[in-house]
Amino acid sequence: MALPYGSTEVDAVLFDLDDVLVPFQTPAAWQWAWRPQGPVLGERRVRAAVRRALKEWDHRRWRGLTGKEPPADLAALDRHLRASLAEVAGHPLPAPETDAVVRRLLHPAGEVERYPDVAPALARLDGAGVRWGVATPLAADAAGWLLRRTGIDPGRLVLTGEGPAPLPARGAFRAAVERLAAPPERVAFVGDLFWSDVRAAGRAGLAPLLLDRHDAWPKVHSGRITSLEQLENGLAAGPAPEPADDGSSEPAA
């Protein structure tokens, strides 16, 4: 089976993992990871800190894709998470404490957050006979752990950050779609970052869709949804006639 995508169709959907299928850098996640028994973190301040860190991570991955910096590998991801923690805390933490917090963030215990729109969306794809998989820049053990904690089969992972060409490299997207047994133009990619998810997937030939749960990209008017409840309608609307611009100063090259 296929789903409409603008004037064409897609045979499969490739999802980013963190903050698309699984809540990752959220106030509750950072609260548990940093201060599980400490004072309650201010939700507005944490959200603002995470948004700043994610924008910089998005640009860092894009610069790696366009050759302005080395590719954003697992070491770069680790630096990003440490920088995010410093933003959340309001100051750098000692290295041992940082190590422990990042480790807990990647391997949460106890009750974990879930997005209520994920299971129904995946069930709809299964019911329609549409293939789907998960790609992530995270390491395989952390990705599998997060999927299991939220009730998603880790067997759906088709790409992790341990490949020779990590996302958002063109080769990484191509490797993922090969696992889905579909040509790139027949695979939709759903990501939450504008440059290194949506723009990068489009450059690799995929059909991109931006999932903007927290209104981080308000100037992107086409090819954008705010919930997976809108997945099929967002795909059917297709891409913007021209690549959307979120107003960032990051170059589009």
C-alpha atoms as a PDB file:
ATOM      1  CA  MET A   1       0.000   0.000   0.000  1.00  0.00           C
ATOM      2  CA  ALA A   2       1.021   3.631  -0.472  1.00  0.00           C
ATOM      3  CA  LEU A   3       0.136   7.004   0.998  1.00  0.00           C
ATOM      4  CA  PRO A   4      -0.460  10.204  -1.019  1.00  0.00           C
ATOM      5  CA  TYR A   5       2.392  12.707  -0.934  1.00  0.00           C
ATOM      6  CA  GLY A   6       1.442  15.798  -2.887  1.00  0.00           C
ATOM      7  CA  SER A   7       0.977  14.703  -6.490  1.00  0.00           C
ATOM      8  CA  THR A   8       2.848  11.418  -5.926  1.00  0.00           C
ATOM      9  CA  GLU A   9       2.834   8.623  -3.340  1.00  0.00           C
ATOM     10  CA  VAL A  10       5.130   7.151  -0.707  1.00  0.00           C
ATOM     11  CA  ASP A  11       5.469   3.454   0.124  1.00  0.00           C
ATOM     12  CA  ALA A  12       7.161   3.800   3.510  1.00  0.00           C
ATOM     13  CA  VAL A  13       7.707   6.242   6.368  1.00  0.00           C
ATOM     14  CA  LEU A  14      11.039   6.732   8.137  1.00  0.00           C
ATOM     15  CA  PHE A  15      10.788   8.371  11.556  1.00  0.00           C
ATOM     16  CA  ASP A  16      13.427  10.177  13.531  1.00  0.00           C
ATOM     17  CA  LEU A  17      13.446   8.751  17.053  1.00  0.00           C
ATOM     18  CA  ASP A  18      14.201  11.406  19.658  1.00  0.00           C
ATOM     19  CA  ASP A  19      11.455  13.973  20.193  1.00  0.00           C
ATOM     20  CA  VAL A  20       9.450  12.476  17.305  1.00  0.00           C
ATOM     21  CA  LEU A  21       8.516   8.981  18.490  1.00  0.00           C
ATOM     22  CA  VAL A  22      10.073   9.163  21.953  1.00  0.00           C
ATOM     23  CA  PRO A  23      10.154  12.195  24.286  1.00  0.00           C
ATOM     24  CA  PHE A  24      13.852  12.818  24.834  1.00  0.00           C
ATOM     25  CA  GLN A  25      15.023  16.290  25.785  1.00  0.00           C
ATOM     26  CA  THR A  26      11.987  17.263  27.827  1.00  0.00           C
ATOM     27  CA  PRO A  27      11.738  19.021  31.195  1.00  0.00           C
ATOM     28  CA  ALA A  28      10.636  15.768  32.866  1.00  0.00           C
ATOM     29  CA  ALA A  29      13.490  13.793  31.287  1.00  0.00           C
ATOM     30  CA  TRP A  30      16.120  16.313  32.352  1.00  0.00           C
ATOM     31  CA  GLN A  31      14.506  16.569  35.798  1.00  0.00           C
ATOM     32  CA  TRP A  32      14.858  12.819  36.347  1.00  0.00           C
ATOM     33  CA  ALA A  33      18.317  12.623  34.812  1.00  0.00           C
ATOM     34  CA  TRP A  34      19.840  15.546  36.713  1.00  0.00           C
ATOM     35  CA  ARG A  35      17.903  15.869  39.941  1.00  0.00           C
ATOM     36  CA  PRO A  36      15.602  12.895  40.437  1.00  0.00           C
ATOM     37  CA  GLN A  37      15.295  13.738  44.146  1.00  0.00           C
ATOM     38  CA  GLY A  38      16.249  17.398  44.014  1.00  0.00           C
ATOM     39  CA  PRO A  39      14.339  20.660  43.580  1.00  0.00           C
ATOM     40  CA  VAL A  40      11.827  20.884  40.750  1.00  0.00           C
ATOM     41  CA  LEU A  41      13.239  22.530  37.664  1.00  0.00           C
ATOM     42  CA  GLY A  42      11.317  25.420  36.144  1.00  0.00           C
ATOM     43  CA  GLU A  43       9.540  24.009  33.079  1.00  0.00           C
ATOM     44  CA  ARG A  44       9.574  27.234  31.050  1.00  0.00           C
ATOM     45  CA  ARG A  45      13.258  27.799  31.680  1.00  0.00           C
ATOM     46  CA  VAL A  46      14.157  24.207  30.788  1.00  0.00           C
ATOM     47  CA  ARG A  47      12.108  24.329  27.587  1.00  0.00           C
ATOM     48  CA  ALA A  48      13.842  27.561  26.576  1.00  0.00           C
ATOM     49  CA  ALA A  49      17.268  26.083  27.361  1.00  0.00           C
ATOM     50  CA  VAL A  50      16.536  22.923  25.378  1.00  0.00           C
ATOM     51  CA  ARG A  51      15.220  24.921  22.439  1.00  0.00           C
ATOM     52  CA  ARG A  52      18.451  26.960  22.295  1.00  0.00           C
ATOM     53  CA  ALA A  53      20.561  23.810  22.505  1.00  0.00           C
ATOM     54  CA  LEU A  54      18.549  22.004  19.811  1.00  0.00           C
ATOM     55  CA  LYS A  55      18.789  24.950  17.412  1.00  0.00           C
ATOM     56  CA  GLU A  56      22.566  24.912  17.795  1.00  0.00           C
ATOM     57  CA  TRP A  57      22.645  21.125  17.344  1.00  0.00           C
ATOM     58  CA  ASP A  58      20.535  21.455  14.202  1.00  0.00           C
ATOM     59  CA  HIS A  59      22.971  24.008  12.791  1.00  0.00           C
ATOM     60  CA  ARG A  60      25.991  21.957  13.889  1.00  0.00           C
ATOM     61  CA  ARG A  61      24.696  18.895  12.023  1.00  0.00           C
ATOM     62  CA  TRP A  62      23.956  21.032   8.974  1.00  0.00           C
ATOM     63  CA  ARG A  63      27.445  22.512   8.994  1.00  0.00           C
ATOM     64  CA  GLY A  64      28.805  18.970   9.122  1.00  0.00           C
ATOM     65  CA  LEU A  65      26.636  18.032   6.160  1.00  0.00           C
ATOM     66  CA  THR A  66      27.765  21.004   4.077  1.00  0.00           C
ATOM     67  CA  GLY A  67      31.479  20.532   4.852  1.00  0.00           C
ATOM     68  CA  LYS A  68      31.931  23.560   7.088  1.00  0.00           C
ATOM     69  CA  GLU A  69      32.758  21.276  10.020  1.00  0.00           C
ATOM     70  CA  PRO A  70      33.429  17.547  10.409  1.00  0.00           C
ATOM     71  CA  PRO A  71      30.311  15.347  10.333  1.00  0.00           C
ATOM     72  CA  ALA A  72      28.321  15.331  13.571  1.00  0.00           C
ATOM     73  CA  ASP A  73      29.208  11.872  14.883  1.00  0.00           C
ATOM     74  CA  LEU A  74      28.532  10.248  18.267  1.00  0.00           C
ATOM     75  CA  ALA A  75      31.289  12.311  19.873  1.00  0.00           C
ATOM     76  CA  ALA A  76      29.608  15.495  18.626  1.00  0.00           C
ATOM     77  CA  LEU A  77      26.272  14.228  19.946  1.00  0.00           C
ATOM     78  CA  ASP A  78      27.845  13.662  23.358  1.00  0.00           C
ATOM     79  CA  ARG A  79      29.158  17.229  23.363  1.00  0.00           C
ATOM     80  CA  HIS A  80      25.689  18.466  22.409  1.00  0.00           C
ATOM     81  CA  LEU A  81      24.032  16.639  25.309  1.00  0.00           C
ATOM     82  CA  ARG A  82      26.632  18.007  27.724  1.00  0.00           C
ATOM     83  CA  ALA A  83      26.028  21.511  26.390  1.00  0.00           C
ATOM     84  CA  SER A  84      22.275  20.978  26.765  1.00  0.00           C
ATOM     85  CA  LEU A  85      22.809  19.987  30.391  1.00  0.00           C
ATOM     86  CA  ALA A  86      24.849  23.119  31.035  1.00  0.00           C
ATOM     87  CA  GLU A  87      21.997  25.183  29.528  1.00  0.00           C
ATOM     88  CA  VAL A  88      19.445  23.381  31.700  1.00  0.00           C
ATOM     89  CA  ALA A  89      21.549  23.769  34.853  1.00  0.00           C
ATOM     90  CA  GLY A  90      22.508  27.342  34.061  1.00  0.00           C
ATOM     91  CA  HIS A  91      26.213  26.534  34.506  1.00  0.00           C
ATOM     92  CA  PRO A  92      28.674  23.751  33.622  1.00  0.00           C
ATOM     93  CA  LEU A  93      28.653  20.786  35.996  1.00  0.00           C
ATOM     94  CA  PRO A  94      31.673  18.761  37.129  1.00  0.00           C
ATOM     95  CA  ALA A  95      32.644  16.063  34.640  1.00  0.00           C
ATOM     96  CA  PRO A  96      31.642  13.082  36.839  1.00  0.00           C
ATOM     97  CA  GLU A  97      28.199  14.564  37.477  1.00  0.00           C
ATOM     98  CA  THR A  98      27.773  15.374  33.781  1.00  0.00           C
ATOM     99  CA  ASP A  99      28.710  11.805  32.850  1.00  0.00           C
ATOM    100  CA  ALA A 100      26.109  10.395  35.238  1.00  0.00           C
ATOM    101  CA  VAL A 101      23.329  12.732  34.100  1.00  0.00           C
ATOM    102  CA  VAL A 102      23.860  12.084  30.388  1.00  0.00           C
ATOM    103  CA  ARG A 103      23.978   8.343  31.059  1.00  0.00           C
ATOM    104  CA  ARG A 104      20.631   8.519  32.883  1.00  0.00           C
ATOM    105  CA  LEU A 105      19.106  10.625  30.104  1.00  0.00           C
ATOM    106  CA  LEU A 106      20.032   7.970  27.539  1.00  0.00           C
ATOM    107  CA  HIS A 107      18.863   5.068  29.727  1.00  0.00           C
ATOM    108  CA  PRO A 108      15.829   6.251  31.720  1.00  0.00           C
ATOM    109  CA  ALA A 109      14.315   4.039  34.413  1.00  0.00           C
ATOM    110  CA  GLY A 110      10.904   3.878  36.027  1.00  0.00           C
ATOM    111  CA  GLU A 111       7.940   5.527  34.357  1.00  0.00           C
ATOM    112  CA  VAL A 112       8.844   7.310  31.151  1.00  0.00           C
ATOM    113  CA  GLU A 113       6.972   9.848  29.078  1.00  0.00           C
ATOM    114  CA  ARG A 114       5.123   8.809  25.953  1.00  0.00           C
ATOM    115  CA  TYR A 115       3.557  10.844  23.189  1.00  0.00           C
ATOM    116  CA  PRO A 116      -0.141   9.893  22.985  1.00  0.00           C
ATOM    117  CA  ASP A 117      -0.212  10.358  19.209  1.00  0.00           C
ATOM    118  CA  VAL A 118       2.562   7.837  18.431  1.00  0.00           C
ATOM    119  CA  ALA A 119       0.893   4.440  18.976  1.00  0.00           C
ATOM    120  CA  PRO A 120      -2.268   5.379  17.022  1.00  0.00           C
ATOM    121  CA  ALA A 121      -0.212   6.742  14.105  1.00  0.00           C
ATOM    122  CA  LEU A 122       1.933   3.613  13.908  1.00  0.00           C
ATOM    123  CA  ALA A 123      -1.167   1.446  14.157  1.00  0.00           C
ATOM    124  CA  ARG A 124      -2.730   3.328  11.243  1.00  0.00           C
ATOM    125  CA  LEU A 125       0.359   2.709   9.122  1.00  0.00           C
ATOM    126  CA  ASP A 126       0.328  -0.972  10.025  1.00  0.00           C
ATOM    127  CA  GLY A 127      -3.375  -1.183   9.245  1.00  0.00           C
ATOM    128  CA  ALA A 128      -2.809   0.425   5.842  1.00  0.00           C
ATOM    129  CA  GLY A 129       0.076  -1.912   5.063  1.00  0.00           C
ATOM    130  CA  VAL A 130       2.593   0.943   4.921  1.00  0.00           C
ATOM    131  CA  ARG A 131       6.144   0.033   5.928  1.00  0.00           C
ATOM    132  CA  TRP A 132       7.848   2.166   8.552  1.00  0.00           C
ATOM    133  CA  GLY A 133      11.161   2.276  10.350  1.00  0.00           C
ATOM    134  CA  VAL A 134      13.205   4.378  12.760  1.00  0.00           C
ATOM    135  CA  ALA A 135      16.488   6.197  12.182  1.00  0.00           C
ATOM    136  CA  THR A 136      18.494   8.016  14.834  1.00  0.00           C
ATOM    137  CA  PRO A 137      21.882   9.633  15.461  1.00  0.00           C
ATOM    138  CA  LEU A 138      21.910   7.917  18.882  1.00  0.00           C
ATOM    139  CA  ALA A 139      23.974   4.820  19.580  1.00  0.00           C
ATOM    140  CA  ALA A 140      22.175   1.498  19.118  1.00  0.00           C
ATOM    141  CA  ASP A 141      22.041   0.578  22.810  1.00  0.00           C
ATOM    142  CA  ALA A 142      20.513   3.909  23.840  1.00  0.00           C
ATOM    143  CA  ALA A 143      18.084   3.923  20.900  1.00  0.00           C
ATOM    144  CA  GLY A 144      16.936   0.392  21.629  1.00  0.00           C
ATOM    145  CA  TRP A 145      16.551   1.176  25.329  1.00  0.00           C
ATOM    146  CA  LEU A 146      14.407   4.265  24.642  1.00  0.00           C
ATOM    147  CA  LEU A 147      12.196   2.393  22.172  1.00  0.00           C
ATOM    148  CA  ARG A 148      11.617  -0.494  24.564  1.00  0.00           C
ATOM    149  CA  ARG A 149      10.818   1.894  27.411  1.00  0.00           C
ATOM    150  CA  THR A 150       8.047   3.460  25.318  1.00  0.00           C
ATOM    151  CA  GLY A 151       6.653   0.227  23.906  1.00  0.00           C
ATOM    152  CA  ILE A 152       8.071   0.362  20.369  1.00  0.00           C
ATOM    153  CA  ASP A 153       9.809  -2.663  18.879  1.00  0.00           C
ATOM    154  CA  PRO A 154      13.572  -1.961  18.651  1.00  0.00           C
ATOM    155  CA  GLY A 155      13.545  -4.211  15.598  1.00  0.00           C
ATOM    156  CA  ARG A 156      12.148  -1.205  13.737  1.00  0.00           C
ATOM    157  CA  LEU A 157      15.545   0.499  13.960  1.00  0.00           C
ATOM    158  CA  VAL A 158      17.039   0.711  10.481  1.00  0.00           C
ATOM    159  CA  LEU A 159      19.877   3.149  11.232  1.00  0.00           C
ATOM    160  CA  THR A 160      21.774   4.338  14.320  1.00  0.00           C
ATOM    161  CA  GLY A 161      24.638   6.721  14.963  1.00  0.00           C
ATOM    162  CA  GLU A 162      27.191   3.932  14.752  1.00  0.00           C
ATOM    163  CA  GLY A 163      27.087   3.662  10.969  1.00  0.00           C
ATOM    164  CA  PRO A 164      30.034   4.787   8.826  1.00  0.00           C
ATOM    165  CA  ALA A 165      28.070   7.835   7.684  1.00  0.00           C
ATOM    166  CA  PRO A 166      25.816   9.136  10.488  1.00  0.00           C
ATOM    167  CA  LEU A 167      22.707  11.172   9.825  1.00  0.00           C
ATOM    168  CA  PRO A 168      22.181  13.594   8.189  1.00  0.00           C
ATOM    169  CA  ALA A 169      24.627  12.371   5.530  1.00  0.00           C
ATOM    170  CA  ARG A 170      23.057  11.455   2.210  1.00  0.00           C
ATOM    171  CA  GLY A 171      24.579   7.976   2.488  1.00  0.00           C
ATOM    172  CA  ALA A 172      22.918   7.470   5.861  1.00  0.00           C
ATOM    173  CA  PHE A 173      19.480   8.317   4.509  1.00  0.00           C
ATOM    174  CA  ARG A 174      20.087   6.051   1.527  1.00  0.00           C
ATOM    175  CA  ALA A 175      21.173   3.182   3.799  1.00  0.00           C
ATOM    176  CA  ALA A 176      17.996   3.594   5.838  1.00  0.00           C
ATOM    177  CA  VAL A 177      15.657   3.551   2.848  1.00  0.00           C
ATOM    178  CA  GLU A 178      17.394   0.473   1.486  1.00  0.00           C
ATOM    179  CA  ARG A 179      16.377  -1.310   4.686  1.00  0.00           C
ATOM    180  CA  LEU A 180      12.794  -0.268   3.943  1.00  0.00           C
ATOM    181  CA  ALA A 181      13.063  -1.710   0.412  1.00  0.00           C
ATOM    182  CA  ALA A 182      11.852   1.443  -1.319  1.00  0.00           C
ATOM    183  CA  PRO A 183      13.497   4.104  -3.490  1.00  0.00           C
ATOM    184  CA  PRO A 184      14.261   7.385  -1.666  1.00  0.00           C
ATOM    185  CA  GLU A 185      11.565   9.377  -3.448  1.00  0.00           C
ATOM    186  CA  ARG A 186       8.986   6.839  -2.230  1.00  0.00           C
ATOM    187  CA  VAL A 187       9.987   7.199   1.442  1.00  0.00           C
ATOM    188  CA  ALA A 188       8.715   9.990   3.693  1.00  0.00           C
ATOM    189  CA  PHE A 189      11.011  11.163   6.472  1.00  0.00           C
ATOM    190  CA  VAL A 190       9.453  12.693   9.606  1.00  0.00           C
ATOM    191  CA  GLY A 191      11.864  14.736  11.723  1.00  0.00           C
ATOM    192  CA  ASP A 192      11.705  17.542  14.273  1.00  0.00           C
ATOM    193  CA  LEU A 193      14.707  19.663  13.182  1.00  0.00           C
ATOM    194  CA  PHE A 194      14.428  21.996  10.230  1.00  0.00           C
ATOM    195  CA  TRP A 195      17.884  21.986   8.672  1.00  0.00           C
ATOM    196  CA  SER A 196      19.442  18.652   9.546  1.00  0.00           C
ATOM    197  CA  ASP A 197      16.241  16.590   9.378  1.00  0.00           C
ATOM    198  CA  VAL A 198      13.876  18.104   6.829  1.00  0.00           C
ATOM    199  CA  ARG A 199      16.249  19.959   4.527  1.00  0.00           C
ATOM    200  CA  ALA A 200      18.847  17.173   4.704  1.00  0.00           C
ATOM    201  CA  ALA A 201      16.267  14.470   3.925  1.00  0.00           C
ATOM    202  CA  GLY A 202      15.060  16.476   0.945  1.00  0.00           C
ATOM    203  CA  ARG A 203      18.618  16.816  -0.332  1.00  0.00           C
ATOM    204  CA  ALA A 204      18.935  13.027  -0.092  1.00  0.00           C
ATOM    205  CA  GLY A 205      15.859  12.609  -2.282  1.00  0.00           C
ATOM    206  CA  LEU A 206      13.343  11.663   0.416  1.00  0.00           C
ATOM    207  CA  ALA A 207       9.901  13.200   0.925  1.00  0.00           C
ATOM    208  CA  PRO A 208      10.358  15.280   4.117  1.00  0.00           C
ATOM    209  CA  LEU A 209       7.815  16.299   6.723  1.00  0.00           C
ATOM    210  CA  LEU A 210       8.556  18.505   9.747  1.00  0.00           C
ATOM    211  CA  LEU A 211       6.959  17.481  13.059  1.00  0.00           C
ATOM    212  CA  ASP A 212       6.996  20.675  15.108  1.00  0.00           C
ATOM    213  CA  ARG A 213       5.466  19.650  18.436  1.00  0.00           C
ATOM    214  CA  HIS A 214       6.539  22.776  20.330  1.00  0.00           C
ATOM    215  CA  ASP A 215       6.168  25.475  17.665  1.00  0.00           C
ATOM    216  CA  ALA A 216       9.928  25.869  17.330  1.00  0.00           C
ATOM    217  CA  TRP A 217       9.682  26.624  13.591  1.00  0.00           C
ATOM    218  CA  PRO A 218       6.666  28.968  13.288  1.00  0.00           C
ATOM    219  CA  LYS A 219       7.816  30.465   9.980  1.00  0.00           C
ATOM    220  CA  VAL A 220       7.662  27.089   8.239  1.00  0.00           C
ATOM    221  CA  HIS A 221       4.149  27.067   6.828  1.00  0.00           C
ATOM    222  CA  SER A 222       4.238  24.136   4.396  1.00  0.00           C
ATOM    223  CA  GLY A 223       5.383  20.578   4.939  1.00  0.00           C
ATOM    224  CA  ARG A 224       4.864  21.013   8.697  1.00  0.00           C
ATOM    225  CA  ILE A 225       2.609  19.329  11.244  1.00  0.00           C
ATOM    226  CA  THR A 226       2.340  19.700  15.006  1.00  0.00           C
ATOM    227  CA  SER A 227       1.117  16.193  15.870  1.00  0.00           C
ATOM    228  CA  LEU A 228       1.244  12.723  14.342  1.00  0.00           C
ATOM    229  CA  GLU A 229      -2.543  12.894  14.338  1.00  0.00           C
ATOM    230  CA  GLN A 230      -1.960  15.029  11.224  1.00  0.00           C
ATOM    231  CA  LEU A 231       0.513  12.605   9.611  1.00  0.00           C
ATOM    232  CA  GLU A 232      -1.575  11.460   6.656  1.00  0.00           C
ATOM    233  CA  ASN A 233      -2.944  14.941   5.941  1.00  0.00           C
ATOM    234  CA  GLY A 234       0.534  16.441   6.191  1.00  0.00           C
ATOM    235  CA  LEU A 235       1.899  13.911   3.728  1.00  0.00           C
ATOM    236  CA  ALA A 236      -1.018  14.388   1.358  1.00  0.00           C
ATOM    237  CA  ALA A 237      -0.392  18.152   1.310  1.00  0.00           C
ATOM    238  CA  GLY A 238       3.108  17.447   0.003  1.00  0.00           C
ATOM    239  CA  PRO A 239       6.173  19.664   0.225  1.00  0.00           C
ATOM    240  CA  ALA A 240       6.368  23.415  -0.115  1.00  0.00           C
ATOM    241  CA  PRO A 241       6.799  24.607  -3.736  1.00  0.00           C
ATOM    242  CA  GLU A 242      10.203  25.968  -2.682  1.00  0.00           C
ATOM    243  CA  PRO A 243      12.285  24.931   0.335  1.00  0.00           C
ATOM    244  CA  ALA A 244      10.794  26.606   3.382  1.00  0.00           C
ATOM    245  CA  ASP A 245      12.927  28.984   5.412  1.00  0.00           C
ATOM    246  CA  ASP A 246      12.508  29.364   9.132  1.00  0.00           C
ATOM    247  CA  GLY A 247      14.200  32.762   9.226  1.00  0.00           C
ATOM    248  CA  SER A 248      17.481  31.356  10.522  1.00  0.00           C
ATOM    249  CA  SER A 249      20.733  32.875   9.325  1.00  0.00           C
ATOM    250  CA  GLU A 250      22.088  29.409   8.547  1.00  0.00           C
ATOM    251  CA  PRO A 251      22.979  29.216   4.834  1.00  0.00           C
ATOM    252  CA  ALA A 252      20.982  26.867   2.626  1.00  0.00           C
ATOM    253  CA  ALA A 253      23.983  25.644   0.657  1.00  0.00           C
END
